[in-house]
Amino acid sequence: MSDTTTQEPQAGGPAAEAEAKPERTFLQWIAHELVETGLTIAVFVPFWLLFSTFVYELRSIPSESMVPALQVGDRVAVAKFTYGYNINSIPFSVGTMIFGNDPKKPDEGIWVRTPHRGDVIVFQHPHNPRVMIKRCVGLPGDTVQVAGGRLYVNGQLIERTRVRETTYIPDDGTHPVTATEYREQLPGEKQPHLIHEFSDNADLDQTPIFKVPAGHVFMMGDNRDNSEDSRAPTGHRSMAAQFPEAWPLRGVNLGGDPKDDAIGFVPLDHLIGRAETVLFTLHGCKKAPGTECPEPRLWKGLQK
């Protein structure tokens, strides 16, 4: 018969020591959690900053200038590596705060690449800290003009095909508006995109012929009559002062703070990245009889 027995813990042994260990006070627990949280942040933030600077970052859409492709509240994934890197690649405008930002030097960056016509691009406003998103319609050396509400690139009329009429309540409005939706394809663009027009005689539906300088691009919103973009006269002060009649549908007023000027030609080193995908949206739609709301957007690609 086996004489195996179970040994009882001795007083003062490991078990007794564990039971005798005093519990943390509430203040000690708080201090421990704060230290652990601080260490986690210290490890996570540098990785997040590197990822947001060199790979992808998330941007929210604040206005309707890119309707119908982008709606207010869309969260868009932006590919940071598409056009190379510059001081505007660093999130929260840290690069511009440290190094400044001179739009007269448009090629300062690493691996700077020219976009394609039709790219939806996130970029730093040349005159103020705002970050913008528009579609690239003109490349360095191109001529761009809007005449009678129609877009011309290098003298070629960009054909548009009517899709439908759509009525909705703007995000910043209370009354329905009706826009005509067209399908348009730029030279070299892989597939067409949709634009909205309220009319062909709005403020920026008649412009001079713009010659895009080297190292710059020309940007326009898809919501053509609700986008202050590269067509606006305050982005071309010298031209507007000399030829105010070139904008017959828009009164040329060059007063005010130049920081409020439109974007004009956008330097390549102000490009932050290409908008690739609408990951999700967190904004509702105002409804009224006879109006419509956009379909839910989840993982919706913008570039093909």
Protein backbone atom coordinates (compact mmCIF):
# COMPACT_ATOMS: atom_id res chain seq x y z
CA MET A 1 0.00 0.00 0.00
CA SER A 2 1.30 3.38 -0.88
CA ASP A 3 2.02 5.80 1.92
CA THR A 4 1.76 8.90 -0.32
CA THR A 5 0.47 11.94 1.52
CA THR A 6 -0.28 15.54 0.62
CA GLN A 7 2.04 18.01 2.22
CA GLU A 8 0.26 20.97 3.82
CA PRO A 9 1.72 24.42 3.17
CA GLN A 10 3.98 25.48 5.96
CA ALA A 11 3.35 28.73 7.74
CA GLY A 12 5.57 31.37 6.24
CA GLY A 13 5.92 29.40 2.98
CA PRO A 14 5.09 30.71 -0.51
CA ALA A 15 1.33 30.32 -0.10
CA ALA A 16 1.35 32.15 3.19
CA GLU A 17 3.45 34.95 1.71
CA ALA A 18 1.02 35.37 -1.23
CA GLU A 19 -1.94 35.61 1.08
CA ALA A 20 -0.18 38.13 3.26
CA LYS A 21 0.72 40.49 0.33
CA PRO A 22 -1.15 43.78 0.86
CA GLU A 23 -3.61 44.90 -1.81
CA ARG A 24 -3.01 48.11 -3.81
CA THR A 25 -4.79 51.20 -2.72
CA PHE A 26 -7.07 52.95 -5.20
CA LEU A 27 -4.48 55.69 -5.78
CA GLN A 28 -1.78 53.11 -6.44
CA TRP A 29 -4.07 51.37 -8.96
CA ILE A 30 -4.74 54.68 -10.73
CA ALA A 31 -1.02 55.45 -10.87
CA HIS A 32 -0.26 51.98 -12.28
CA GLU A 33 -2.94 52.32 -14.98
CA LEU A 34 -1.67 55.76 -15.97
CA VAL A 35 1.86 54.46 -16.33
CA GLU A 36 0.68 51.48 -18.44
CA THR A 37 -1.45 53.75 -20.62
CA GLY A 38 1.43 56.17 -21.07
CA LEU A 39 3.76 53.36 -22.12
CA THR A 40 1.17 52.04 -24.60
CA ILE A 41 0.74 55.49 -26.14
CA ALA A 42 4.49 56.02 -26.27
CA VAL A 43 4.84 52.81 -28.29
CA PHE A 44 1.73 53.22 -30.46
CA VAL A 45 1.96 56.88 -31.48
CA PRO A 46 5.31 56.66 -33.34
CA PHE A 47 4.08 53.66 -35.33
CA TRP A 48 0.79 55.41 -36.10
CA LEU A 49 2.64 58.59 -37.11
CA LEU A 50 4.97 56.66 -39.44
CA PHE A 51 2.06 54.77 -41.00
CA SER A 52 0.03 57.97 -41.48
CA THR A 53 3.02 59.76 -42.99
CA PHE A 54 4.25 57.11 -45.42
CA VAL A 55 1.43 54.65 -46.11
CA TYR A 56 -2.22 55.63 -45.51
CA GLU A 57 -4.16 58.14 -43.49
CA LEU A 58 -7.86 58.73 -42.88
CA ARG A 59 -9.55 62.00 -43.85
CA SER A 60 -13.14 63.14 -43.36
CA ILE A 61 -15.09 65.09 -46.00
CA PRO A 62 -16.44 68.42 -44.65
CA SER A 63 -18.21 69.87 -47.71
CA GLU A 64 -20.23 68.97 -50.82
CA SER A 65 -17.72 70.19 -53.41
CA MET A 66 -17.01 66.61 -54.55
CA VAL A 67 -20.60 65.36 -54.73
CA PRO A 68 -21.57 62.82 -56.04
CA ALA A 69 -18.27 60.93 -55.62
CA LEU A 70 -17.87 62.07 -52.03
CA GLN A 71 -20.51 63.08 -49.50
CA VAL A 72 -20.21 65.07 -46.28
CA GLY A 73 -19.13 62.74 -43.49
CA ASP A 74 -17.33 60.21 -45.68
CA ARG A 75 -14.13 58.81 -44.16
CA VAL A 76 -11.64 58.41 -46.97
CA ALA A 77 -8.44 56.35 -47.05
CA VAL A 78 -5.65 58.42 -48.62
CA ALA A 79 -2.61 56.71 -50.19
CA LYS A 80 0.38 58.78 -49.07
CA PHE A 81 2.96 57.11 -51.33
CA THR A 82 1.25 57.88 -54.66
CA TYR A 83 2.93 61.22 -55.45
CA GLY A 84 6.04 60.97 -53.30
CA TYR A 85 6.68 62.69 -49.99
CA ASN A 86 7.05 66.31 -48.91
CA ILE A 87 6.60 68.42 -45.80
CA ASN A 88 2.84 68.24 -46.27
CA SER A 89 2.93 64.45 -45.88
CA ILE A 90 3.33 64.73 -42.10
CA PRO A 91 -0.10 64.70 -40.36
CA PHE A 92 -1.53 67.73 -38.51
CA SER A 93 0.52 70.13 -40.70
CA VAL A 94 3.53 69.50 -38.47
CA GLY A 95 5.90 69.73 -41.44
CA THR A 96 4.64 73.14 -42.56
CA MET A 97 4.76 74.48 -39.00
CA ILE A 98 8.40 73.45 -38.67
CA PHE A 99 9.75 74.08 -42.17
CA GLY A 100 7.28 76.51 -43.74
CA ASN A 101 5.66 76.03 -47.14
CA ASP A 102 6.62 78.04 -50.21
CA PRO A 103 4.26 77.55 -53.20
CA LYS A 104 6.87 79.24 -55.43
CA LYS A 105 9.08 76.16 -55.05
CA PRO A 106 6.77 73.42 -56.35
CA ASP A 107 9.20 70.53 -56.76
CA GLU A 108 10.62 70.22 -53.26
CA GLY A 109 10.05 66.65 -52.13
CA ILE A 110 11.21 63.06 -52.42
CA TRP A 111 10.14 60.88 -55.35
CA VAL A 112 7.73 63.58 -56.55
CA ARG A 113 5.41 62.16 -59.22
CA THR A 114 2.86 63.88 -61.42
CA PRO A 115 -0.76 62.75 -60.98
CA HIS A 116 -3.02 61.45 -63.70
CA ARG A 117 -5.98 63.44 -64.92
CA GLY A 118 -9.03 62.26 -63.03
CA ASP A 119 -7.21 61.46 -59.77
CA VAL A 120 -9.07 62.55 -56.64
CA ILE A 121 -6.36 64.23 -54.59
CA VAL A 122 -5.98 65.46 -51.02
CA PHE A 123 -3.67 68.47 -50.88
CA GLN A 124 -2.54 71.38 -48.75
CA HIS A 125 -4.14 74.70 -49.64
CA PRO A 126 -1.36 76.94 -51.05
CA HIS A 127 -2.46 80.01 -49.06
CA ASN A 128 -3.70 78.77 -45.67
CA PRO A 129 -3.60 75.73 -43.36
CA ARG A 130 -6.72 74.10 -44.79
CA VAL A 131 -6.49 70.64 -46.35
CA MET A 132 -8.54 70.26 -49.54
CA ILE A 133 -9.81 67.47 -51.79
CA LYS A 134 -10.55 67.95 -55.51
CA ARG A 135 -10.20 66.16 -58.82
CA CYS A 136 -7.14 66.80 -60.99
CA VAL A 137 -8.26 67.99 -64.45
CA GLY A 138 -5.10 69.71 -65.70
CA LEU A 139 -1.43 68.66 -65.69
CA PRO A 140 1.71 70.79 -66.11
CA GLY A 141 1.65 72.41 -69.55
CA ASP A 142 -2.09 71.85 -70.11
CA THR A 143 -4.54 74.58 -70.98
CA VAL A 144 -7.85 74.51 -69.12
CA GLN A 145 -10.96 76.59 -69.68
CA VAL A 146 -14.63 76.52 -68.78
CA ALA A 147 -16.86 78.17 -71.40
CA GLY A 148 -20.64 78.05 -71.30
CA GLY A 149 -20.43 75.59 -68.46
CA ARG A 150 -18.40 73.12 -70.53
CA LEU A 151 -14.86 72.01 -69.70
CA TYR A 152 -12.07 72.27 -72.29
CA VAL A 153 -8.63 70.68 -71.80
CA ASN A 154 -5.94 71.58 -74.35
CA GLY A 155 -8.65 73.07 -76.53
CA GLN A 156 -10.63 69.81 -76.58
CA LEU A 157 -14.23 69.85 -75.38
CA ILE A 158 -14.70 67.20 -72.70
CA GLU A 159 -17.86 65.38 -73.70
CA ARG A 160 -20.47 64.72 -71.07
CA THR A 161 -23.45 62.38 -71.10
CA ARG A 162 -26.60 63.20 -69.18
CA VAL A 163 -27.42 60.52 -66.62
CA ARG A 164 -30.38 61.88 -64.63
CA GLU A 165 -31.78 64.69 -62.52
CA THR A 166 -31.41 64.42 -58.76
CA THR A 167 -33.13 66.44 -56.02
CA TYR A 168 -31.72 66.60 -52.51
CA ILE A 169 -31.31 68.93 -49.53
CA PRO A 170 -27.75 70.27 -49.26
CA ASP A 171 -25.93 69.58 -46.03
CA ASP A 172 -25.79 73.30 -45.19
CA GLY A 173 -29.30 74.08 -46.49
CA THR A 174 -32.95 73.56 -45.65
CA HIS A 175 -34.57 73.61 -49.10
CA PRO A 176 -34.28 71.02 -51.88
CA VAL A 177 -32.11 71.70 -54.92
CA THR A 178 -32.08 69.90 -58.26
CA ALA A 179 -28.88 69.05 -60.09
CA THR A 180 -28.26 67.40 -63.43
CA GLU A 181 -25.89 64.47 -63.19
CA TYR A 182 -23.50 63.89 -66.11
CA ARG A 183 -20.91 61.25 -66.90
CA GLU A 184 -17.57 62.74 -67.99
CA GLN A 185 -14.17 61.30 -68.90
CA LEU A 186 -10.94 63.30 -69.05
CA PRO A 187 -8.14 62.62 -71.55
CA GLY A 188 -6.11 59.69 -70.25
CA GLU A 189 -8.59 58.88 -67.48
CA LYS A 190 -9.14 55.13 -67.17
CA GLN A 191 -12.85 55.34 -66.52
CA PRO A 192 -15.46 58.12 -66.47
CA HIS A 193 -16.66 59.88 -63.35
CA LEU A 194 -19.90 61.66 -62.46
CA ILE A 195 -20.35 65.42 -62.06
CA HIS A 196 -23.23 67.61 -60.91
CA GLU A 197 -24.32 70.83 -62.59
CA PHE A 198 -27.05 73.20 -61.39
CA SER A 199 -26.78 75.27 -64.57
CA ASP A 200 -24.32 76.27 -67.28
CA ASN A 201 -24.24 79.94 -66.34
CA ALA A 202 -23.15 79.87 -62.69
CA ASP A 203 -20.29 82.02 -61.33
CA LEU A 204 -17.41 79.86 -62.57
CA ASP A 205 -19.00 78.58 -65.77
CA GLN A 206 -17.08 81.14 -67.85
CA THR A 207 -13.34 81.54 -67.28
CA PRO A 208 -10.19 82.60 -69.11
CA ILE A 209 -7.87 80.03 -70.65
CA PHE A 210 -5.49 78.88 -67.92
CA LYS A 211 -2.01 77.64 -68.77
CA VAL A 212 -0.89 75.25 -66.04
CA PRO A 213 2.73 76.07 -65.12
CA ALA A 214 5.45 73.48 -64.64
CA GLY A 215 5.33 71.75 -61.28
CA HIS A 216 1.62 72.49 -60.75
CA VAL A 217 -1.80 70.95 -61.39
CA PHE A 218 -5.30 72.33 -61.93
CA MET A 219 -8.05 71.13 -59.59
CA MET A 220 -11.84 71.17 -59.86
CA GLY A 221 -14.69 69.83 -57.74
CA ASP A 222 -17.17 67.35 -59.21
CA ASN A 223 -20.01 69.49 -57.85
CA ARG A 224 -19.13 72.07 -60.46
CA ASP A 225 -21.38 74.92 -59.33
CA ASN A 226 -20.63 74.39 -55.64
CA SER A 227 -16.83 74.29 -55.66
CA GLU A 228 -14.37 77.14 -55.14
CA ASP A 229 -11.39 75.66 -56.96
CA SER A 230 -8.64 76.44 -59.47
CA ARG A 231 -11.11 78.37 -61.64
CA ALA A 232 -11.74 81.15 -59.10
CA PRO A 233 -10.21 84.60 -59.81
CA THR A 234 -8.72 85.10 -56.34
CA GLY A 235 -6.41 82.17 -57.05
CA HIS A 236 -5.02 84.11 -60.04
CA ARG A 237 -4.67 87.66 -58.71
CA SER A 238 -2.36 89.03 -61.40
CA MET A 239 -4.54 87.71 -64.22
CA ALA A 240 -7.77 88.83 -62.54
CA ALA A 241 -6.40 92.32 -61.93
CA GLN A 242 -5.38 92.67 -65.58
CA PHE A 243 -8.34 90.89 -67.19
CA PRO A 244 -11.35 91.04 -64.81
CA GLU A 245 -13.64 90.67 -67.81
CA ALA A 246 -12.36 87.10 -68.24
CA TRP A 247 -14.79 86.08 -65.46
CA PRO A 248 -17.99 87.71 -66.80
CA LEU A 249 -20.29 85.69 -64.52
CA ARG A 250 -18.28 86.34 -61.36
CA GLY A 251 -17.63 89.81 -60.05
CA VAL A 252 -13.87 90.00 -59.55
CA ASN A 253 -13.19 91.27 -56.03
CA LEU A 254 -9.53 91.08 -55.03
CA GLY A 255 -9.93 92.75 -51.66
CA GLY A 256 -9.74 90.95 -48.35
CA ASP A 257 -7.05 88.81 -46.79
CA PRO A 258 -4.94 86.88 -49.36
CA LYS A 259 -5.09 83.91 -46.97
CA ASP A 260 -8.73 83.59 -48.02
CA ASP A 261 -7.81 83.31 -51.71
CA ALA A 262 -8.87 80.32 -53.79
CA ILE A 263 -6.35 77.57 -54.48
CA GLY A 264 -5.25 78.64 -57.98
CA PHE A 265 -2.64 76.32 -59.46
CA VAL A 266 -1.63 73.71 -56.88
CA PRO A 267 2.11 72.94 -56.53
CA LEU A 268 3.09 69.29 -56.75
CA ASP A 269 4.80 69.45 -53.38
CA HIS A 270 1.46 70.39 -51.79
CA LEU A 271 -0.07 67.05 -52.74
CA ILE A 272 -0.68 64.85 -49.72
CA GLY A 273 -2.00 61.74 -51.41
CA ARG A 274 -4.64 60.13 -53.60
CA ALA A 275 -8.08 59.36 -52.18
CA GLU A 276 -8.58 55.64 -52.77
CA THR A 277 -11.59 54.36 -50.85
CA VAL A 278 -14.56 55.59 -48.82
CA LEU A 279 -14.20 53.34 -45.79
CA PHE A 280 -17.49 54.40 -44.17
CA THR A 281 -19.62 57.44 -43.48
CA LEU A 282 -20.97 58.84 -40.20
CA HIS A 283 -23.29 61.54 -41.53
CA GLY A 284 -27.03 61.37 -42.08
CA CYS A 285 -29.07 62.79 -44.94
CA LYS A 286 -31.84 65.38 -44.68
CA LYS A 287 -35.05 63.94 -46.09
CA ALA A 288 -38.11 65.63 -47.55
CA PRO A 289 -40.86 64.61 -49.98
CA GLY A 290 -39.46 64.28 -53.49
CA THR A 291 -35.82 64.22 -52.39
CA GLU A 292 -33.32 61.39 -52.29
CA CYS A 293 -30.38 60.36 -50.15
CA PRO A 294 -27.13 58.77 -51.31
CA GLU A 295 -26.74 55.06 -50.92
CA PRO A 296 -24.79 53.87 -47.86
CA ARG A 297 -21.07 53.99 -48.55
CA LEU A 298 -18.90 51.24 -47.11
CA TRP A 299 -15.53 50.34 -48.65
CA LYS A 300 -16.39 52.14 -51.88
CA GLY A 301 -13.43 52.54 -54.22
CA LEU A 302 -12.77 55.87 -55.94
CA GLN A 303 -9.87 54.89 -58.21
CA LYS A 304 -9.92 52.01 -60.69
